[in-house]
Every structure is written in structure tokens, then in C-alpha cells.
Amino acid sequence: MSNTILAGPDCMTMAEVRAGVDQVDRDLIALLARRFAYMAAAARIKPTRDKVRDEARKALVIANARAEAARLALPEAAIAALWDDLVEASIAYELDLFDKR
């Protein structure tokens, strides 16, 4: 068996599908680490705790994710829900870091 990760449409077995999914999950975690590093920077930069939550920015981030999902023919509502959870987790992380400084 090869260690090559195939594109989804090229997979012929569930082992190939699972290998691809596992690789994408590792890639997503790496991207989330990058995203959360920005949250750490925000916690360091923002002058007061009440500046951590920004509902207008949250709405924009989710709208952008929804639009990108639509562009890629992905389920918009599911992506918006994932992004809502992601933004809330990011806010919680940022608040925790703000409180520790």
C-alpha cells in the first residue's frame, strides 16, 4: 500500500478515503493553530477585556465563510454553524489569554 494521499474523486477504497480525511484533519488542526495564534495576538493587543467580543466582526467572519461555502458549492448552513462555533471558541480562548496577562 502506498502512503500517497489521493484526491477525493480518485479514491477507490475506504482506506484511501480515510487516509485522505485523516490528512485533511491534520492540516485543519495546523491551520487552527495559526488562527489561534492570531487570537493570542489580539488578546495581547486589545486594550480592555470588553474589546474581545465584537459582534459585528463575528457576523462578518461568518458571512464570509458562508459566501465561500456557496462559491465552493458546500452546505452554507453547516459551514456557518461550524464558523459560529469556531468564532465562539476563539473568543473564549482570547478571553482566557486576556485574563492571564
N, C-alpha and C. Protein backbone atom coordinates (compact mmCIF):
# COMPACT_ATOMS: atom_id res chain seq x y z
N MET A 1 0.84 -1.19 0.00
CA MET A 1 0.00 0.00 0.00
C MET A 1 0.88 1.25 0.00
N SER A 2 0.50 2.23 -0.78
CA SER A 2 1.25 3.48 -0.91
C SER A 2 0.85 4.45 0.20
N ASN A 3 1.77 5.34 0.54
CA ASN A 3 1.48 6.38 1.52
C ASN A 3 0.96 7.65 0.85
N THR A 4 0.75 7.59 -0.45
CA THR A 4 0.26 8.74 -1.19
C THR A 4 -1.19 9.03 -0.83
N ILE A 5 -1.46 10.29 -0.56
CA ILE A 5 -2.83 10.72 -0.28
C ILE A 5 -3.46 11.11 -1.60
N LEU A 6 -4.56 10.46 -1.92
CA LEU A 6 -5.27 10.72 -3.17
C LEU A 6 -6.29 11.83 -2.99
N ALA A 7 -6.61 12.51 -4.07
CA ALA A 7 -7.73 13.45 -4.07
C ALA A 7 -9.02 12.65 -3.90
N GLY A 8 -10.01 13.25 -3.30
CA GLY A 8 -11.27 12.56 -3.05
C GLY A 8 -11.83 11.81 -4.26
N PRO A 9 -11.94 12.47 -5.40
CA PRO A 9 -12.51 11.78 -6.58
C PRO A 9 -11.68 10.60 -7.07
N ASP A 10 -10.40 10.54 -6.69
CA ASP A 10 -9.52 9.45 -7.14
C ASP A 10 -9.55 8.24 -6.22
N CYS A 11 -10.17 8.36 -5.05
CA CYS A 11 -10.19 7.26 -4.09
C CYS A 11 -11.07 6.11 -4.59
N MET A 12 -10.56 4.91 -4.41
CA MET A 12 -11.30 3.71 -4.82
C MET A 12 -11.62 2.80 -3.64
N THR A 13 -10.99 3.06 -2.49
CA THR A 13 -11.22 2.23 -1.30
C THR A 13 -11.49 3.12 -0.10
N MET A 14 -12.10 2.55 0.92
CA MET A 14 -12.33 3.30 2.15
C MET A 14 -11.01 3.61 2.85
N ALA A 15 -10.01 2.77 2.71
CA ALA A 15 -8.70 3.06 3.30
C ALA A 15 -8.13 4.34 2.69
N GLU A 16 -8.28 4.51 1.39
CA GLU A 16 -7.81 5.73 0.74
C GLU A 16 -8.60 6.95 1.20
N VAL A 17 -9.92 6.79 1.31
CA VAL A 17 -10.77 7.88 1.80
C VAL A 17 -10.35 8.27 3.22
N ARG A 18 -10.18 7.28 4.09
CA ARG A 18 -9.83 7.56 5.48
C ARG A 18 -8.45 8.20 5.60
N ALA A 19 -7.51 7.76 4.79
CA ALA A 19 -6.18 8.37 4.80
C ALA A 19 -6.27 9.84 4.39
N GLY A 20 -7.09 10.12 3.40
CA GLY A 20 -7.28 11.50 2.96
C GLY A 20 -7.94 12.35 4.03
N VAL A 21 -8.97 11.82 4.65
CA VAL A 21 -9.67 12.54 5.72
C VAL A 21 -8.72 12.80 6.89
N ASP A 22 -7.95 11.80 7.27
CA ASP A 22 -7.00 11.97 8.38
C ASP A 22 -5.97 13.05 8.06
N GLN A 23 -5.50 13.10 6.81
CA GLN A 23 -4.54 14.13 6.42
C GLN A 23 -5.18 15.51 6.45
N VAL A 24 -6.39 15.60 5.93
CA VAL A 24 -7.10 16.89 5.97
C VAL A 24 -7.30 17.33 7.42
N ASP A 25 -7.65 16.42 8.30
CA ASP A 25 -7.82 16.77 9.71
C ASP A 25 -6.52 17.31 10.31
N ARG A 26 -5.38 16.68 9.99
CA ARG A 26 -4.10 17.19 10.48
C ARG A 26 -3.84 18.59 9.92
N ASP A 27 -4.15 18.78 8.64
CA ASP A 27 -3.97 20.09 8.02
C ASP A 27 -4.87 21.14 8.67
N LEU A 28 -6.11 20.77 8.96
CA LEU A 28 -7.03 21.70 9.61
C LEU A 28 -6.55 22.10 10.99
N ILE A 29 -6.03 21.15 11.75
CA ILE A 29 -5.51 21.46 13.09
C ILE A 29 -4.33 22.43 12.98
N ALA A 30 -3.47 22.22 12.00
CA ALA A 30 -2.35 23.14 11.79
C ALA A 30 -2.86 24.54 11.45
N LEU A 31 -3.89 24.62 10.62
CA LEU A 31 -4.47 25.93 10.29
C LEU A 31 -5.15 26.56 11.50
N LEU A 32 -5.80 25.74 12.31
CA LEU A 32 -6.41 26.27 13.53
C LEU A 32 -5.35 26.80 14.48
N ALA A 33 -4.21 26.14 14.55
CA ALA A 33 -3.11 26.65 15.39
C ALA A 33 -2.69 28.03 14.91
N ARG A 34 -2.61 28.21 13.59
CA ARG A 34 -2.28 29.54 13.04
C ARG A 34 -3.36 30.56 13.41
N ARG A 35 -4.64 30.15 13.29
CA ARG A 35 -5.74 31.07 13.60
C ARG A 35 -5.70 31.47 15.07
N PHE A 36 -5.48 30.48 15.95
CA PHE A 36 -5.47 30.77 17.38
C PHE A 36 -4.26 31.61 17.78
N ALA A 37 -3.17 31.54 17.02
CA ALA A 37 -2.04 32.43 17.27
C ALA A 37 -2.45 33.89 17.05
N TYR A 38 -3.33 34.12 16.08
CA TYR A 38 -3.85 35.47 15.88
C TYR A 38 -4.74 35.89 17.05
N MET A 39 -5.47 34.95 17.62
CA MET A 39 -6.28 35.26 18.79
C MET A 39 -5.38 35.63 19.97
N ALA A 40 -4.25 34.95 20.09
CA ALA A 40 -3.30 35.29 21.15
C ALA A 40 -2.76 36.70 20.93
N ALA A 41 -2.48 37.04 19.69
CA ALA A 41 -2.02 38.40 19.39
C ALA A 41 -3.10 39.41 19.72
N ALA A 42 -4.34 39.10 19.39
CA ALA A 42 -5.44 40.02 19.69
C ALA A 42 -5.57 40.22 21.20
N ALA A 43 -5.44 39.14 21.97
CA ALA A 43 -5.53 39.26 23.43
C ALA A 43 -4.41 40.14 23.98
N ARG A 44 -3.27 40.10 23.32
CA ARG A 44 -2.14 40.93 23.73
C ARG A 44 -2.34 42.39 23.33
N ILE A 45 -2.97 42.61 22.18
CA ILE A 45 -3.08 43.96 21.61
C ILE A 45 -4.28 44.74 22.14
N LYS A 46 -5.40 44.07 22.32
CA LYS A 46 -6.62 44.79 22.72
C LYS A 46 -6.43 45.42 24.10
N PRO A 47 -6.86 46.67 24.24
CA PRO A 47 -6.58 47.40 25.48
C PRO A 47 -7.43 46.98 26.67
N THR A 48 -8.68 46.54 26.40
CA THR A 48 -9.56 46.16 27.50
C THR A 48 -10.32 44.89 27.15
N ARG A 49 -10.74 44.19 28.20
CA ARG A 49 -11.43 42.91 28.03
C ARG A 49 -12.72 43.06 27.22
N ASP A 50 -13.43 44.17 27.38
CA ASP A 50 -14.69 44.35 26.67
C ASP A 50 -14.51 44.49 25.16
N LYS A 51 -13.28 44.67 24.71
CA LYS A 51 -13.00 44.76 23.27
C LYS A 51 -12.82 43.38 22.63
N VAL A 52 -12.76 42.33 23.45
CA VAL A 52 -12.54 40.99 22.92
C VAL A 52 -13.72 40.57 22.05
N ARG A 53 -14.93 40.70 22.56
CA ARG A 53 -16.12 40.31 21.79
C ARG A 53 -16.53 41.47 20.90
N ASP A 54 -16.64 41.16 19.61
CA ASP A 54 -17.03 42.16 18.60
C ASP A 54 -18.08 41.49 17.71
N GLU A 55 -19.34 41.71 18.03
CA GLU A 55 -20.43 41.02 17.33
C GLU A 55 -20.48 41.37 15.84
N ALA A 56 -20.14 42.61 15.49
CA ALA A 56 -20.14 42.98 14.07
C ALA A 56 -19.06 42.19 13.32
N ARG A 57 -17.89 42.07 13.92
CA ARG A 57 -16.81 41.29 13.28
C ARG A 57 -17.19 39.82 13.20
N LYS A 58 -17.81 39.29 14.26
CA LYS A 58 -18.24 37.90 14.26
C LYS A 58 -19.20 37.66 13.10
N ALA A 59 -20.17 38.52 12.93
CA ALA A 59 -21.15 38.38 11.85
C ALA A 59 -20.47 38.42 10.49
N LEU A 60 -19.49 39.30 10.33
CA LEU A 60 -18.77 39.41 9.06
C LEU A 60 -17.97 38.14 8.77
N VAL A 61 -17.29 37.61 9.77
CA VAL A 61 -16.50 36.39 9.60
C VAL A 61 -17.40 35.23 9.17
N ILE A 62 -18.55 35.11 9.81
CA ILE A 62 -19.49 34.03 9.47
C ILE A 62 -20.08 34.25 8.08
N ALA A 63 -20.42 35.48 7.75
CA ALA A 63 -20.94 35.78 6.40
C ALA A 63 -19.89 35.46 5.34
N ASN A 64 -18.63 35.77 5.61
CA ASN A 64 -17.56 35.46 4.66
C ASN A 64 -17.42 33.95 4.48
N ALA A 65 -17.51 33.20 5.57
CA ALA A 65 -17.43 31.74 5.48
C ALA A 65 -18.61 31.19 4.69
N ARG A 66 -19.78 31.72 4.94
CA ARG A 66 -20.98 31.28 4.22
C ARG A 66 -20.84 31.56 2.72
N ALA A 67 -20.34 32.74 2.38
CA ALA A 67 -20.16 33.10 0.97
C ALA A 67 -19.14 32.19 0.29
N GLU A 68 -18.05 31.88 1.00
CA GLU A 68 -17.04 30.98 0.43
C GLU A 68 -17.60 29.58 0.27
N ALA A 69 -18.42 29.15 1.22
CA ALA A 69 -19.08 27.85 1.10
C ALA A 69 -19.98 27.82 -0.13
N ALA A 70 -20.73 28.88 -0.34
CA ALA A 70 -21.61 28.95 -1.51
C ALA A 70 -20.80 28.90 -2.80
N ARG A 71 -19.69 29.63 -2.82
CA ARG A 71 -18.84 29.65 -4.01
C ARG A 71 -18.30 28.26 -4.34
N LEU A 72 -18.04 27.47 -3.31
CA LEU A 72 -17.49 26.12 -3.49
C LEU A 72 -18.57 25.03 -3.51
N ALA A 73 -19.84 25.45 -3.54
CA ALA A 73 -20.98 24.52 -3.55
C ALA A 73 -20.97 23.59 -2.33
N LEU A 74 -20.64 24.15 -1.18
CA LEU A 74 -20.70 23.42 0.08
C LEU A 74 -21.96 23.82 0.82
N PRO A 75 -22.39 23.02 1.80
CA PRO A 75 -23.62 23.36 2.54
C PRO A 75 -23.41 24.61 3.41
N GLU A 76 -24.01 25.71 2.96
CA GLU A 76 -23.81 27.01 3.60
C GLU A 76 -24.20 27.03 5.08
N ALA A 77 -25.34 26.46 5.40
CA ALA A 77 -25.81 26.50 6.80
C ALA A 77 -24.87 25.71 7.70
N ALA A 78 -24.39 24.58 7.22
CA ALA A 78 -23.47 23.77 8.03
C ALA A 78 -22.15 24.52 8.24
N ILE A 79 -21.64 25.14 7.20
CA ILE A 79 -20.39 25.90 7.32
C ILE A 79 -20.59 27.09 8.26
N ALA A 80 -21.72 27.78 8.14
CA ALA A 80 -22.00 28.92 9.03
C ALA A 80 -22.06 28.45 10.49
N ALA A 81 -22.66 27.30 10.73
CA ALA A 81 -22.74 26.77 12.10
C ALA A 81 -21.35 26.40 12.62
N LEU A 82 -20.54 25.79 11.78
CA LEU A 82 -19.16 25.47 12.18
C LEU A 82 -18.39 26.75 12.51
N TRP A 83 -18.56 27.76 11.68
CA TRP A 83 -17.84 29.01 11.90
C TRP A 83 -18.34 29.73 13.14
N ASP A 84 -19.63 29.64 13.43
CA ASP A 84 -20.14 30.22 14.67
C ASP A 84 -19.44 29.57 15.86
N ASP A 85 -19.35 28.24 15.84
CA ASP A 85 -18.65 27.53 16.92
C ASP A 85 -17.17 27.92 16.97
N LEU A 86 -16.54 28.02 15.80
CA LEU A 86 -15.13 28.39 15.74
C LEU A 86 -14.91 29.78 16.32
N VAL A 87 -15.74 30.73 15.94
CA VAL A 87 -15.58 32.10 16.44
C VAL A 87 -15.82 32.14 17.95
N GLU A 88 -16.83 31.43 18.42
CA GLU A 88 -17.08 31.41 19.87
C GLU A 88 -15.91 30.77 20.63
N ALA A 89 -15.34 29.70 20.09
CA ALA A 89 -14.18 29.08 20.72
C ALA A 89 -12.98 30.03 20.70
N SER A 90 -12.85 30.77 19.62
CA SER A 90 -11.76 31.74 19.51
C SER A 90 -11.92 32.86 20.53
N ILE A 91 -13.15 33.33 20.70
CA ILE A 91 -13.42 34.38 21.69
C ILE A 91 -13.11 33.86 23.10
N ALA A 92 -13.54 32.64 23.40
CA ALA A 92 -13.27 32.06 24.72
C ALA A 92 -11.77 31.94 24.96
N TYR A 93 -11.05 31.51 23.95
CA TYR A 93 -9.59 31.39 24.04
C TYR A 93 -8.96 32.76 24.28
N GLU A 94 -9.40 33.73 23.51
CA GLU A 94 -8.86 35.09 23.65
C GLU A 94 -9.17 35.66 25.03
N LEU A 95 -10.38 35.45 25.52
CA LEU A 95 -10.74 35.94 26.86
C LEU A 95 -9.86 35.30 27.92
N ASP A 96 -9.63 34.00 27.79
CA ASP A 96 -8.79 33.28 28.75
C ASP A 96 -7.37 33.86 28.75
N LEU A 97 -6.84 34.08 27.56
CA LEU A 97 -5.49 34.66 27.47
C LEU A 97 -5.47 36.09 27.98
N PHE A 98 -6.51 36.87 27.69
CA PHE A 98 -6.57 38.25 28.18
C PHE A 98 -6.55 38.26 29.71
N ASP A 99 -7.32 37.36 30.30
CA ASP A 99 -7.41 37.31 31.76
C ASP A 99 -6.10 36.87 32.42
N LYS A 100 -5.26 36.17 31.68
CA LYS A 100 -3.98 35.69 32.22
C LYS A 100 -2.86 36.71 32.10
N ARG A 101 -3.08 37.76 31.33
CA ARG A 101 -1.97 38.71 31.14
C ARG A 101 -1.80 39.67 32.28
